[in-house]
Protein backbone atom coordinates (compact mmCIF):
# COMPACT_ATOMS: atom_id res chain seq x y z
CA MET A 1 21.14 22.80 25.63
CA ARG A 2 24.41 24.79 25.37
CA HIS A 3 26.38 21.94 26.93
CA LEU A 4 24.87 19.53 24.40
CA ALA A 5 25.72 21.82 21.51
CA CYS A 6 29.30 22.22 22.69
CA ALA A 7 29.76 18.50 23.13
CA PHE A 8 28.33 17.91 19.66
CA LEU A 9 30.62 20.52 18.14
CA VAL A 10 33.68 19.07 19.83
CA VAL A 11 32.85 15.72 18.27
CA LEU A 12 32.61 17.37 14.85
CA VAL A 13 35.92 19.16 15.28
CA CYS A 14 37.74 16.06 16.52
CA HIS A 15 36.12 13.44 14.30
CA GLY A 16 38.67 11.55 12.20
CA PHE A 17 41.72 12.58 14.24
CA ALA A 18 43.71 10.39 16.58
CA HIS A 19 44.43 13.23 19.00
CA CYS A 20 42.53 16.39 19.67
CA GLN A 21 42.68 19.29 22.07
CA GLN A 22 39.34 20.42 23.41
CA ALA A 23 38.67 24.05 22.62
CA ASN A 24 37.87 26.38 25.50
CA GLY A 25 34.35 27.65 26.06
CA LYS A 26 34.90 31.03 24.36
CA ASP A 27 36.26 29.43 21.19
CA LEU A 28 33.28 27.09 21.08
CA ASP A 29 30.81 29.93 21.48
CA ASP A 30 32.48 31.87 18.64
CA LEU A 31 32.39 28.82 16.40
CA ILE A 32 28.71 28.17 17.15
CA LYS A 33 27.87 31.77 16.19
CA GLN A 34 29.67 31.29 12.88
CA VAL A 35 27.75 28.13 12.01
CA PHE A 36 24.25 28.68 13.38
CA THR A 37 22.06 31.64 12.45
CA PRO A 38 19.48 32.12 15.21
CA ALA A 39 15.81 32.36 14.39
CA PRO A 40 14.25 35.83 14.70
CA PRO A 41 12.84 36.92 18.10
CA ASN A 42 9.26 36.20 17.05
CA ALA A 43 10.11 32.70 15.82
CA LYS A 44 8.00 31.13 18.54
CA ASN A 45 4.85 32.44 16.91
CA ASN A 46 6.12 32.25 13.36
CA GLU A 47 4.76 29.15 11.60
CA GLN A 48 7.61 29.27 9.11
CA PHE A 49 10.09 28.46 11.91
CA ARG A 50 7.93 26.02 13.83
CA GLY A 51 9.82 22.76 14.03
CA THR A 52 12.60 24.18 11.81
CA THR A 53 16.32 24.68 12.49
CA VAL A 54 17.84 27.44 10.41
CA VAL A 55 21.46 26.62 9.61
CA GLY A 56 23.69 29.24 8.07
CA GLN A 57 20.96 31.12 6.22
CA ALA A 58 18.32 33.75 6.73
CA PRO A 59 14.61 32.84 6.67
CA LEU A 60 12.96 32.64 3.25
CA SER A 61 9.34 32.65 2.14
CA CYS A 62 7.95 29.29 1.09
CA THR A 63 5.30 27.65 -1.06
CA CYS A 64 3.48 24.36 -0.50
CA VAL A 65 4.72 21.79 -2.99
CA PRO A 66 4.56 17.98 -3.18
CA TYR A 67 6.98 16.39 -0.73
CA TYR A 68 9.17 14.94 -3.48
CA LEU A 69 9.99 18.37 -4.90
CA CYS A 70 11.63 19.82 -1.79
CA GLN A 71 15.22 19.16 -0.73
CA ASN A 72 17.44 21.32 1.50
CA GLY A 73 14.91 24.11 1.27
CA THR A 74 14.58 24.03 -2.53
CA ILE A 75 13.63 21.49 -5.17
CA LYS A 76 13.73 17.79 -4.33
CA THR A 77 13.89 15.10 -7.00
CA ASP A 78 14.00 11.71 -5.29
CA GLY A 79 11.11 11.84 -2.80
CA GLU A 80 13.21 10.57 0.09
CA GLY A 81 11.98 11.42 3.55
CA VAL A 82 9.53 10.60 6.29
CA ILE A 83 5.97 11.92 6.35
CA ASP A 84 3.63 11.69 9.32
CA ILE A 85 0.13 11.13 7.93
CA ARG A 86 -1.39 12.36 11.21
CA ILE A 87 0.35 15.75 11.16
CA LYS A 88 -0.15 18.41 8.53
CA GLU A 89 2.27 21.18 7.71
CA PRO A 90 0.99 24.37 9.41
CA THR A 91 0.49 26.15 6.08
CA CYS A 92 -0.27 23.18 3.81
CA GLU A 93 -3.65 21.51 3.40
CA SER A 94 -2.36 18.06 2.41
CA TYR A 95 0.01 15.93 4.47
CA LEU A 96 1.77 15.09 1.17
CA ASP A 97 2.74 18.76 0.71
CA VAL A 98 5.58 20.58 2.46
CA CYS A 99 6.40 24.27 2.73
CA CYS A 100 9.42 24.93 0.52
CA GLN A 101 11.31 27.82 -1.06
CA ASP A 102 10.06 28.64 -4.56
CA PRO A 103 12.47 26.94 -6.99
CA SER A 104 13.91 28.86 -9.88
CA ASP A 105 14.46 25.72 -11.98
CA GLU A 106 11.91 23.69 -13.90
CA ARG A 107 10.23 20.74 -12.19
CA ILE A 108 12.58 17.76 -12.29
CA PRO A 109 10.92 14.32 -12.47
CA PRO A 110 12.01 11.52 -10.11
CA SER A 111 15.13 9.65 -11.12
CA PRO A 112 14.43 6.47 -13.13
CA GLN A 113 14.43 3.31 -11.05
CA PRO A 114 16.27 0.09 -11.97
CA PRO A 115 14.06 -2.68 -13.42
CA ARG A 116 12.37 -4.89 -10.87
CA ALA A 117 13.35 -8.54 -10.74
CA GLY A 118 10.64 -11.16 -10.39
CA CYS A 119 7.01 -11.07 -9.28
CA GLY A 120 5.67 -10.45 -5.79
CA ARG A 121 8.23 -7.88 -4.65
CA ARG A 122 6.90 -5.99 -1.63
CA ASN A 123 8.17 -2.51 -0.67
CA PRO A 124 7.98 -2.59 3.16
CA ASP A 125 9.51 0.91 3.47
CA GLY A 126 7.36 2.38 0.73
CA VAL A 127 8.33 4.05 -2.54
CA GLY A 128 9.88 7.53 -2.48
CA PHE A 129 8.91 8.27 1.11
CA ARG A 130 7.99 6.52 4.32
CA ILE A 131 4.98 7.41 6.45
CA THR A 132 4.75 7.47 10.21
CA GLY A 133 1.59 7.96 12.23
CA ASN A 134 0.04 4.89 10.57
CA LEU A 135 -1.83 3.91 13.71
CA ASP A 136 -4.76 2.27 11.92
CA GLY A 137 -2.81 -0.21 9.81
CA GLU A 138 -2.19 2.05 6.83
CA SER A 139 0.25 0.58 4.32
CA GLN A 140 3.23 2.42 2.91
CA PHE A 141 2.85 3.99 -0.53
CA GLY A 142 3.66 1.28 -3.08
CA GLU A 143 4.10 -1.39 -0.41
CA PHE A 144 1.80 -3.82 -2.26
CA PRO A 145 2.26 -2.89 -5.95
CA TRP A 146 0.02 -5.73 -7.14
CA MET A 147 -3.02 -4.35 -5.29
CA VAL A 148 -5.85 -3.01 -7.45
CA ALA A 149 -9.32 -1.62 -6.89
CA VAL A 150 -12.13 -2.99 -9.03
CA LEU A 151 -14.47 -0.10 -9.80
CA ARG A 152 -17.94 0.15 -11.27
CA ILE A 153 -18.63 3.21 -13.42
CA GLU A 154 -22.08 4.55 -12.68
CA SER A 155 -24.06 7.65 -13.62
CA VAL A 156 -25.80 9.01 -10.54
CA LYS A 157 -27.38 12.20 -11.85
CA PRO A 158 -28.26 13.30 -15.40
CA ASN A 159 -25.87 15.75 -17.06
CA GLU A 160 -23.18 15.01 -14.47
CA PRO A 161 -20.02 12.98 -15.04
CA PRO A 162 -20.17 9.34 -13.87
CA ILE A 163 -18.54 8.35 -10.62
CA ASN A 164 -16.34 5.40 -9.69
CA LEU A 165 -17.97 3.10 -7.15
CA TYR A 166 -15.70 0.73 -5.29
CA GLN A 167 -16.70 -2.83 -6.13
CA CYS A 168 -13.99 -4.93 -4.47
CA GLY A 169 -10.26 -5.52 -4.33
CA GLY A 170 -8.07 -7.56 -6.63
CA ALA A 171 -4.47 -8.28 -7.58
CA LEU A 172 -2.42 -8.13 -10.76
CA ILE A 173 -1.10 -11.53 -11.83
CA HIS A 174 -0.21 -10.31 -15.33
CA PRO A 175 0.01 -6.77 -16.75
CA GLN A 176 -3.34 -7.48 -18.44
CA VAL A 177 -5.06 -9.81 -15.91
CA VAL A 178 -6.46 -9.27 -12.41
CA ILE A 179 -7.51 -12.03 -10.01
CA THR A 180 -10.45 -11.29 -7.71
CA ALA A 181 -13.41 -12.96 -6.01
CA ALA A 182 -16.18 -14.39 -8.16
CA HIS A 183 -18.82 -12.96 -5.81
CA CYS A 184 -17.66 -9.44 -6.78
CA VAL A 185 -18.12 -9.82 -10.54
CA ALA A 186 -20.38 -12.83 -11.19
CA GLY A 187 -23.09 -12.03 -13.72
CA LYS A 188 -21.11 -9.15 -15.21
CA ASP A 189 -19.50 -9.19 -18.66
CA GLY A 190 -17.04 -6.39 -17.97
CA GLN A 191 -19.28 -3.62 -19.25
CA GLY A 192 -18.96 -0.69 -16.85
CA LEU A 193 -16.09 -2.23 -14.89
CA LYS A 194 -12.54 -0.96 -14.67
CA ILE A 195 -9.55 -1.48 -12.41
CA ARG A 196 -7.24 1.03 -10.78
CA ALA A 197 -3.64 -0.05 -10.20
CA GLY A 198 -1.08 1.86 -8.15
CA GLU A 199 -3.72 3.52 -5.95
CA TRP A 200 -2.93 4.28 -2.30
CA ASP A 201 -4.77 7.27 -0.83
CA THR A 202 -8.11 7.53 -2.62
CA GLN A 203 -8.51 11.18 -1.60
CA THR A 204 -5.42 12.61 -3.29
CA LYS A 205 -3.48 12.49 -6.54
CA ASN A 206 -0.30 13.94 -5.01
CA GLU A 207 1.58 10.65 -4.75
CA LEU A 208 5.00 10.35 -6.38
CA TYR A 209 3.72 7.97 -9.09
CA PRO A 210 0.19 8.13 -10.54
CA HIS A 211 -2.39 5.38 -10.50
CA GLN A 212 -3.32 3.63 -13.75
CA ASP A 213 -6.87 2.83 -14.90
CA ARG A 214 -7.80 0.09 -17.36
CA ASN A 215 -11.19 -1.07 -18.59
CA VAL A 216 -12.31 -4.67 -18.10
CA VAL A 217 -13.16 -6.42 -21.37
CA GLN A 218 -13.71 -9.98 -20.17
CA VAL A 219 -14.81 -11.62 -16.89
CA LEU A 220 -13.91 -15.28 -16.34
CA VAL A 221 -15.68 -16.82 -13.34
CA HIS A 222 -14.71 -20.30 -12.17
CA PRO A 223 -17.23 -22.75 -13.68
CA GLU A 224 -17.88 -24.40 -10.29
CA TYR A 225 -18.49 -21.17 -8.40
CA TYR A 226 -21.49 -21.56 -6.07
CA ALA A 227 -22.89 -18.22 -4.93
CA GLY A 228 -24.91 -19.74 -2.08
CA ALA A 229 -21.85 -20.72 -0.03
CA LEU A 230 -19.11 -19.01 -2.10
CA TYR A 231 -17.44 -22.26 -3.12
CA ASN A 232 -14.67 -21.78 -5.73
CA ASP A 233 -14.85 -18.02 -5.28
CA VAL A 234 -12.34 -16.97 -7.92
CA ALA A 235 -12.51 -14.93 -11.14
CA LEU A 236 -10.11 -13.40 -13.64
CA LEU A 237 -10.53 -10.00 -15.30
CA LYS A 238 -8.92 -9.35 -18.67
CA LEU A 239 -8.02 -5.69 -19.27
CA ASP A 240 -8.27 -3.73 -22.49
CA ALA A 241 -4.54 -2.95 -22.32
CA PRO A 242 -1.60 -3.94 -20.12
CA VAL A 243 -0.66 -1.71 -17.19
CA ASN A 244 2.79 -0.14 -17.28
CA ALA A 245 5.29 -1.56 -14.81
CA ALA A 246 6.29 0.97 -12.15
CA ASP A 247 7.49 0.95 -8.56
CA ASN A 248 3.86 1.16 -7.43
CA VAL A 249 2.45 -1.17 -10.11
CA ASP A 250 3.66 -4.75 -10.42
CA VAL A 251 2.41 -8.36 -10.42
CA ILE A 252 2.07 -10.88 -7.58
CA CYS A 253 3.42 -14.43 -7.77
CA LEU A 254 1.03 -17.40 -7.56
CA PRO A 255 1.61 -20.60 -5.55
CA GLU A 256 2.07 -23.98 -7.15
CA GLN A 257 -0.97 -26.26 -7.45
CA GLY A 258 -1.80 -27.58 -3.97
CA GLN A 259 1.01 -25.69 -2.17
CA ASN A 260 0.52 -25.37 1.60
CA PHE A 261 1.31 -22.24 3.62
CA ASP A 262 0.09 -23.29 7.09
CA HIS A 263 1.52 -21.14 9.93
CA SER A 264 3.05 -18.60 7.53
CA ARG A 265 2.83 -14.96 8.61
CA CYS A 266 1.07 -13.22 5.73
CA TYR A 267 -0.51 -9.89 4.77
CA ALA A 268 -4.02 -9.00 3.68
CA SER A 269 -4.63 -5.56 2.19
CA GLY A 270 -7.66 -3.58 1.11
CA TRP A 271 -9.64 -0.35 1.30
CA GLY A 272 -12.83 -1.72 2.79
CA LYS A 273 -14.89 1.14 1.36
CA ASN A 274 -17.96 1.19 -0.88
CA VAL A 275 -17.53 4.62 -2.48
CA PHE A 276 -14.23 5.44 -4.16
CA GLY A 277 -12.50 8.79 -4.61
CA LYS A 278 -13.73 12.24 -3.61
CA GLU A 279 -17.28 10.98 -3.14
CA GLY A 280 -16.10 9.10 -0.05
CA GLU A 281 -17.11 10.49 3.33
CA TYR A 282 -13.67 10.02 4.89
CA GLN A 283 -10.04 9.71 3.85
CA VAL A 284 -8.94 6.15 3.19
CA ILE A 285 -5.40 4.91 2.72
CA LEU A 286 -4.81 1.31 1.66
CA LYS A 287 -4.81 -0.77 4.85
CA LYS A 288 -2.86 -3.89 5.72
CA VAL A 289 -3.06 -6.53 8.43
CA GLU A 290 -0.57 -9.26 9.27
CA LEU A 291 -2.22 -12.65 9.75
CA PRO A 292 -1.15 -16.27 10.23
CA VAL A 293 -2.43 -18.98 7.90
CA VAL A 294 -4.45 -21.33 10.13
CA PRO A 295 -4.36 -25.11 9.52
CA ARG A 296 -7.63 -26.48 8.19
CA GLN A 297 -8.69 -28.54 11.23
CA GLN A 298 -7.95 -25.72 13.66
CA CYS A 299 -9.98 -23.33 11.52
CA LEU A 300 -12.90 -25.74 11.31
CA GLN A 301 -13.00 -26.11 15.10
CA SER A 302 -13.08 -22.32 15.51
CA LEU A 303 -15.84 -21.87 12.94
CA ARG A 304 -17.98 -24.58 14.57
CA LYS A 305 -18.00 -22.53 17.78
CA THR A 306 -19.79 -19.73 15.96
CA ARG A 307 -23.39 -19.55 14.72
CA LEU A 308 -22.36 -21.96 11.93
CA GLY A 309 -22.77 -24.78 14.43
CA GLN A 310 -21.12 -28.15 15.09
CA HIS A 311 -22.15 -29.67 11.77
CA PHE A 312 -20.49 -27.03 9.59
CA ARG A 313 -18.15 -28.35 6.90
CA LEU A 314 -15.39 -26.22 5.42
CA HIS A 315 -15.25 -26.66 1.65
CA ASN A 316 -11.87 -27.61 0.22
CA SER A 317 -11.82 -24.46 -1.92
CA PHE A 318 -11.17 -22.37 1.22
CA VAL A 319 -8.12 -21.57 3.30
CA CYS A 320 -8.17 -19.73 6.64
CA ALA A 321 -6.08 -16.94 8.10
CA GLY A 322 -6.27 -14.83 11.23
CA GLY A 323 -7.67 -15.90 14.56
CA GLU A 324 -5.88 -13.09 16.41
CA PRO A 325 -8.30 -10.73 18.24
CA GLY A 326 -8.92 -7.44 16.48
CA LYS A 327 -7.03 -8.42 13.33
CA ASP A 328 -9.07 -9.43 10.29
CA THR A 329 -10.28 -8.35 6.89
CA CYS A 330 -13.79 -6.96 6.90
CA LYS A 331 -16.71 -5.69 4.86
CA GLY A 332 -15.62 -4.14 1.59
CA ASP A 333 -12.37 -6.11 1.41
CA GLY A 334 -13.86 -8.90 -0.74
CA GLY A 335 -11.64 -9.95 -3.63
CA SER A 336 -8.52 -8.52 -1.99
CA PRO A 337 -5.37 -10.64 -1.79
CA LEU A 338 -3.82 -12.55 1.09
CA VAL A 339 -0.10 -12.84 0.30
CA CYS A 340 2.58 -14.93 2.02
CA PRO A 341 6.38 -14.80 1.75
CA LEU A 342 8.16 -17.23 -0.54
CA ILE A 343 10.55 -19.23 1.64
CA ASN A 344 13.28 -19.53 -0.98
CA HIS A 345 12.95 -15.96 -2.28
CA PRO A 346 13.18 -13.39 0.56
CA GLY A 347 11.26 -10.20 -0.06
CA HIS A 348 8.92 -11.85 -2.57
CA TYR A 349 5.34 -12.95 -1.95
CA ALA A 350 2.75 -15.29 -3.48
CA GLN A 351 -1.01 -14.85 -3.33
CA VAL A 352 -2.37 -17.61 -1.13
CA GLY A 353 -5.94 -16.41 -0.67
CA ILE A 354 -8.72 -14.15 -1.91
CA VAL A 355 -10.90 -12.47 0.74
CA ALA A 356 -14.21 -14.37 0.69
CA TRP A 357 -16.14 -14.32 3.97
CA GLY A 358 -15.95 -14.45 7.75
CA ILE A 359 -17.95 -14.41 10.97
CA GLY A 360 -17.76 -10.81 12.13
CA CYS A 361 -14.48 -8.94 11.80
CA GLY A 362 -11.77 -10.17 14.11
CA GLU A 363 -14.25 -11.16 16.78
CA ASN A 364 -13.57 -13.87 19.35
CA GLY A 365 -10.39 -14.95 17.58
CA THR A 366 -12.28 -16.54 14.67
CA PRO A 367 -10.19 -16.82 11.47
CA GLY A 368 -11.33 -15.27 8.23
CA VAL A 369 -12.05 -17.48 5.20
CA TYR A 370 -10.32 -17.02 1.86
CA ALA A 371 -10.54 -18.69 -1.54
CA ASN A 372 -7.60 -21.09 -1.78
CA VAL A 373 -5.61 -19.81 -4.76
CA ALA A 374 -3.28 -22.84 -4.78
CA LEU A 375 -6.30 -25.03 -5.59
CA PHE A 376 -6.97 -23.03 -8.77
CA ARG A 377 -3.46 -22.71 -10.17
CA ASN A 378 -4.05 -25.21 -13.00
CA TRP A 379 -7.34 -23.55 -13.92
CA ILE A 380 -5.67 -20.12 -13.95
CA ASP A 381 -2.87 -21.38 -16.19
CA GLN A 382 -5.42 -22.76 -18.64
CA GLN A 383 -7.36 -19.50 -18.78
CA MET A 384 -4.16 -17.59 -19.46
CA ARG A 385 -3.37 -19.87 -22.38
CA ASN A 386 -6.93 -19.46 -23.68
CA MET A 387 -6.37 -15.68 -23.68
CA ASN A 388 -3.03 -16.13 -25.47
CA LEU A 389 -1.21 -14.59 -22.51
CA ASP A 390 2.01 -15.81 -20.93
CA PRO A 391 1.39 -17.50 -17.53
CA HIS A 392 5.05 -17.05 -16.58
CA SER A 393 4.32 -13.52 -15.35
CA TYR A 394 3.39 -14.95 -11.93
CA HIS A 395 6.24 -17.52 -11.83
CA PHE A 396 9.21 -16.44 -9.78
């Protein structure tokens, strides 16, 4: 370790100079002592020093604060950093908290972000921080800013506040409109429904930017929706007020009428959970799975090898994605978006599908089946005009 430190220090001393004389060992040792303050003798058993290098300062007491408030041992304002969701700070209950010196200044909000350009902008590295330890397909915070949860407000016990029950997923196509699956909301008029935008971890409110709730005031189900086989499984939800644009809340683009995305590598996202918030039995972070769009004939052949049988016909209102073992959307993901990259606009995505149904969950390489959003583009445009809303929100 000493040899490594000396070599590192020599690099620092010589960096930027054409010629340099290497200092002798004694000089290096003296210089190291000037720069590095060693941890106390009991540091091995001191949780404050566990995993910490103390540089040029004595140890200080600390307090658990949200990750975005701590920088260089004091207050942090930009949220930059890497957080391992599988490892908790020794003295902090939440993985989104870190142990930090008590600041003497007032809490400083995150710096304002520049306006976002265009719909469908994904944040692959997250917003404000990046997580590691996402071994189960967890998304980054704010990675899919169009993603929403459709919730049903229900009173479970008398004299107790109502709870939010997870109904299905959805996506923002306009600050005041969500697209989802008809099978999630058919027969409902919006009473008792709301959406939550900007959500990520349903068990905490410690994220850098808060989620936003809006009530549903109108449910528009496709007139040719057939519940028996989920044909034309698409619906629009009009909200009582627009959501506010933020780094974790934005709209998805929509494909052109009839546009084809065969063989594209796409993402499906969702929570796959039937109880939302603290009432849930386990912690759930928004999940993602990368899937290929499967050509129609190939999908049909795969589906006919299942219990659907050789005479099964795939309705033209569906598109398929997946077919890779162990990778699929599953129960509870209904209504969630399947988004694919726009070829001419790197970093931007369009919603190609809505999670509808499947045979099992990633079993035997069978693709999942999604409502084909490109088939409904003209219908969506017409509904937007009927609501006196601008359909250009989902145009790139």
